[in-house]
Amino acid sequence: MQNFPTGSKVASAQLKKGLSLIELGKKDDGVEELRRVIQRYPRSPEALQARERLRQLKVPSVGRSGE
């Protein structure tokens, strides 16, 4: 993601990073990563998956400040 920030696989990599963080017990970091996926790629399949995972966690898909 750092070397190719506009690459075609960034949304997928960011989604996987968020899901992995959650699985590792770093829920807050994972949630923020999933929210970034939704913000940066709102109509992508990855955003849909991120929203679904946040829904399962009973966490809003946007932060408190609406970011």
C-alpha atoms as a PDB file:
ATOM      1  CA  MET A   1       0.000   0.000   0.000  1.00  0.00           C
ATOM      2  CA  GLN A   2       2.876   2.355   0.725  1.00  0.00           C
ATOM      3  CA  ASN A   3       4.764   1.576  -2.484  1.00  0.00           C
ATOM      4  CA  PHE A   4       1.721   1.584  -4.776  1.00  0.00           C
ATOM      5  CA  PRO A   5      -0.961   3.774  -3.128  1.00  0.00           C
ATOM      6  CA  THR A   6      -3.002   4.026  -6.331  1.00  0.00           C
ATOM      7  CA  GLY A   7      -2.660   0.382  -7.332  1.00  0.00           C
ATOM      8  CA  SER A   8      -5.634  -1.788  -8.189  1.00  0.00           C
ATOM      9  CA  LYS A   9      -5.137  -3.990  -5.125  1.00  0.00           C
ATOM     10  CA  VAL A  10      -5.025  -1.260  -2.458  1.00  0.00           C
ATOM     11  CA  ALA A  11      -8.695  -1.499  -1.436  1.00  0.00           C
ATOM     12  CA  SER A  12      -8.405  -5.259  -1.027  1.00  0.00           C
ATOM     13  CA  ALA A  13      -5.141  -4.997   0.909  1.00  0.00           C
ATOM     14  CA  GLN A  14      -6.573  -2.325   3.197  1.00  0.00           C
ATOM     15  CA  LEU A  15      -9.682  -4.436   3.851  1.00  0.00           C
ATOM     16  CA  LYS A  16      -7.534  -7.455   4.714  1.00  0.00           C
ATOM     17  CA  LYS A  17      -5.374  -5.317   6.978  1.00  0.00           C
ATOM     18  CA  GLY A  18      -8.439  -4.120   8.879  1.00  0.00           C
ATOM     19  CA  LEU A  19      -9.870  -7.611   9.222  1.00  0.00           C
ATOM     20  CA  SER A  20      -6.506  -8.956  10.362  1.00  0.00           C
ATOM     21  CA  LEU A  21      -6.120  -6.267  13.007  1.00  0.00           C
ATOM     22  CA  ILE A  22      -9.535  -7.176  14.404  1.00  0.00           C
ATOM     23  CA  GLU A  23      -8.603 -10.870  14.482  1.00  0.00           C
ATOM     24  CA  LEU A  24      -5.387  -9.993  16.320  1.00  0.00           C
ATOM     25  CA  GLY A  25      -7.384  -8.272  19.038  1.00  0.00           C
ATOM     26  CA  LYS A  26      -6.658  -4.733  17.846  1.00  0.00           C
ATOM     27  CA  LYS A  27     -10.306  -3.898  17.309  1.00  0.00           C
ATOM     28  CA  ASP A  28     -10.005  -0.099  17.377  1.00  0.00           C
ATOM     29  CA  ASP A  29      -7.207  -0.079  14.785  1.00  0.00           C
ATOM     30  CA  GLY A  30      -9.078  -2.575  12.620  1.00  0.00           C
ATOM     31  CA  VAL A  31     -12.299  -0.583  12.781  1.00  0.00           C
ATOM     32  CA  GLU A  32     -10.466   2.577  11.717  1.00  0.00           C
ATOM     33  CA  GLU A  33      -8.877   0.733   8.798  1.00  0.00           C
ATOM     34  CA  LEU A  34     -12.276  -0.577   7.667  1.00  0.00           C
ATOM     35  CA  ARG A  35     -13.704   2.929   7.909  1.00  0.00           C
ATOM     36  CA  ARG A  36     -10.882   4.193   5.682  1.00  0.00           C
ATOM     37  CA  VAL A  37     -11.807   1.566   3.078  1.00  0.00           C
ATOM     38  CA  ILE A  38     -15.406   2.804   3.139  1.00  0.00           C
ATOM     39  CA  GLN A  39     -14.323   6.436   2.908  1.00  0.00           C
ATOM     40  CA  ARG A  40     -11.783   5.975   0.093  1.00  0.00           C
ATOM     41  CA  TYR A  41     -13.639   3.364  -1.971  1.00  0.00           C
ATOM     42  CA  PRO A  42     -17.336   3.871  -1.094  1.00  0.00           C
ATOM     43  CA  ARG A  43     -18.811   1.913  -4.019  1.00  0.00           C
ATOM     44  CA  SER A  44     -16.326  -0.936  -4.067  1.00  0.00           C
ATOM     45  CA  PRO A  45     -16.992  -4.552  -3.101  1.00  0.00           C
ATOM     46  CA  GLU A  46     -14.394  -4.065  -0.351  1.00  0.00           C
ATOM     47  CA  ALA A  47     -16.419  -1.214   1.154  1.00  0.00           C
ATOM     48  CA  LEU A  48     -19.473  -3.468   1.169  1.00  0.00           C
ATOM     49  CA  GLN A  49     -17.506  -6.138   3.032  1.00  0.00           C
ATOM     50  CA  ALA A  50     -16.122  -3.548   5.453  1.00  0.00           C
ATOM     51  CA  ARG A  51     -19.625  -2.240   6.197  1.00  0.00           C
ATOM     52  CA  GLU A  52     -20.873  -5.772   6.800  1.00  0.00           C
ATOM     53  CA  ARG A  53     -18.038  -6.557   9.217  1.00  0.00           C
ATOM     54  CA  LEU A  54     -18.628  -3.308  11.116  1.00  0.00           C
ATOM     55  CA  ARG A  55     -22.334  -4.151  11.276  1.00  0.00           C
ATOM     56  CA  GLN A  56     -21.476  -7.565  12.735  1.00  0.00           C
ATOM     57  CA  LEU A  57     -19.316  -5.833  15.337  1.00  0.00           C
ATOM     58  CA  LYS A  58     -22.192  -3.410  16.064  1.00  0.00           C
ATOM     59  CA  VAL A  59     -19.928  -0.477  15.242  1.00  0.00           C
ATOM     60  CA  PRO A  60     -20.990   2.516  13.105  1.00  0.00           C
ATOM     61  CA  SER A  61     -19.355   2.727   9.704  1.00  0.00           C
ATOM     62  CA  VAL A  62     -18.356   6.348  10.363  1.00  0.00           C
ATOM     63  CA  GLY A  63     -16.441   7.791  13.288  1.00  0.00           C
ATOM     64  CA  ARG A  64     -17.923  10.105  15.894  1.00  0.00           C
ATOM     65  CA  SER A  65     -16.845  13.201  13.985  1.00  0.00           C
ATOM     66  CA  GLY A  66     -18.500  11.902  10.805  1.00  0.00           C
ATOM     67  CA  GLU A  67     -15.179  11.355   9.035  1.00  0.00           C
END
